[in-house]
Amino acid sequence: MEKLFRTNSMIWFHIILLFPLASTAYEHDEIQNHIKPGTIIFIGETHQHVESVLLIKRLIEASVNDSQCPILALEIDDRQQGAIDKAM
């Protein structure tokens, strides 16, 4: 019983410790300050949420306004390729 309690306590410790890290959100300015020439920024987002799209849009616009030439890589469903081609 004591060993089982230790295992369960350890599992809960990891969940409690890691949960705040997984749910951290950064403000636009905090991310934008890290976008510099020669850097790679990975941004995880929640699919199908307009806030995610707006954040990326604002980051790209701010980078272009700063005379940067950002490159954006997206994970998209291949069924969306027609819409991408049309927009290009």
Protein backbone atom coordinates (compact mmCIF):
# COMPACT_ATOMS: atom_id res chain seq x y z
CA MET A 1 0.00 0.00 0.00
CA GLU A 2 2.81 2.39 0.87
CA LYS A 3 4.51 1.80 -2.50
CA LEU A 4 1.25 2.45 -4.36
CA PHE A 5 0.79 5.72 -2.46
CA ARG A 6 4.29 6.84 -3.44
CA THR A 7 3.60 6.05 -7.08
CA ASN A 8 0.31 7.93 -7.05
CA SER A 9 1.93 10.85 -5.23
CA MET A 10 4.68 10.97 -7.83
CA ILE A 11 2.16 10.95 -10.67
CA TRP A 12 0.22 13.79 -9.10
CA PHE A 13 3.43 15.70 -8.48
CA HIS A 14 4.28 15.55 -12.17
CA ILE A 15 0.80 16.54 -13.25
CA ILE A 16 0.72 19.50 -10.87
CA LEU A 17 4.24 20.53 -11.82
CA LEU A 18 3.74 20.30 -15.59
CA PHE A 19 0.18 21.57 -15.91
CA PRO A 20 1.06 25.26 -15.47
CA LEU A 21 3.79 24.94 -18.09
CA ALA A 22 1.40 23.48 -20.63
CA SER A 23 -1.17 26.21 -20.12
CA THR A 24 1.15 29.21 -20.30
CA ALA A 25 0.04 31.90 -22.73
CA TYR A 26 2.20 34.78 -23.83
CA GLU A 27 1.13 38.25 -24.84
CA HIS A 28 1.66 39.46 -28.39
CA ASP A 29 4.42 41.91 -27.40
CA GLU A 30 6.33 39.29 -25.45
CA ILE A 31 6.41 36.99 -28.50
CA GLN A 32 7.09 39.84 -30.93
CA ASN A 33 10.14 40.93 -28.94
CA HIS A 34 11.72 37.52 -29.61
CA ILE A 35 11.14 37.59 -33.37
CA LYS A 36 14.48 38.68 -34.76
CA PRO A 37 16.35 37.95 -37.99
CA GLY A 38 17.89 34.50 -37.85
CA THR A 39 15.57 33.17 -35.14
CA ILE A 40 13.01 30.41 -35.30
CA ILE A 41 9.89 30.74 -33.16
CA PHE A 42 7.56 27.78 -32.64
CA ILE A 43 4.01 28.69 -31.67
CA GLY A 44 1.55 26.04 -30.61
CA GLU A 45 -2.07 26.98 -31.01
CA THR A 46 -5.54 25.59 -30.62
CA HIS A 47 -7.02 24.65 -33.95
CA GLN A 48 -10.19 26.35 -35.14
CA HIS A 49 -9.93 29.24 -32.70
CA VAL A 50 -10.06 32.68 -34.27
CA GLU A 51 -7.73 34.03 -31.56
CA SER A 52 -4.93 31.81 -32.87
CA VAL A 53 -5.32 33.14 -36.40
CA LEU A 54 -5.47 36.74 -35.18
CA LEU A 55 -2.32 36.32 -33.09
CA ILE A 56 -0.35 34.95 -36.05
CA LYS A 57 -1.72 37.73 -38.28
CA ARG A 58 -0.63 40.41 -35.80
CA LEU A 59 2.83 38.88 -35.40
CA ILE A 60 3.39 38.72 -39.17
CA GLU A 61 2.11 42.27 -39.72
CA ALA A 62 4.34 43.63 -36.94
CA SER A 63 7.37 41.82 -38.37
CA VAL A 64 6.73 43.19 -41.86
CA ASN A 65 6.24 46.70 -40.42
CA ASP A 66 9.66 46.25 -38.74
CA SER A 67 11.16 45.67 -42.23
CA GLN A 68 11.61 41.98 -41.53
CA CYS A 69 10.84 39.25 -44.03
CA PRO A 70 9.22 36.52 -41.93
CA ILE A 71 8.75 32.99 -43.21
CA LEU A 72 5.64 31.25 -41.93
CA ALA A 73 5.32 27.47 -41.90
CA LEU A 74 1.90 25.99 -41.19
CA GLU A 75 0.53 22.59 -40.40
CA ILE A 76 -2.49 22.29 -42.67
CA ASP A 77 -4.77 19.55 -43.85
CA ASP A 78 -3.98 18.71 -47.48
CA ARG A 79 -7.65 19.27 -48.28
CA GLN A 80 -6.97 22.98 -47.70
CA GLN A 81 -4.35 23.21 -50.46
CA GLY A 82 -6.86 24.64 -52.95
CA ALA A 83 -7.62 27.56 -50.64
CA ILE A 84 -3.90 28.19 -50.13
CA ASP A 85 -3.26 28.12 -53.89
CA LYS A 86 -6.14 30.51 -54.48
CA ALA A 87 -4.81 32.95 -51.88
CA MET A 88 -1.32 32.89 -53.38
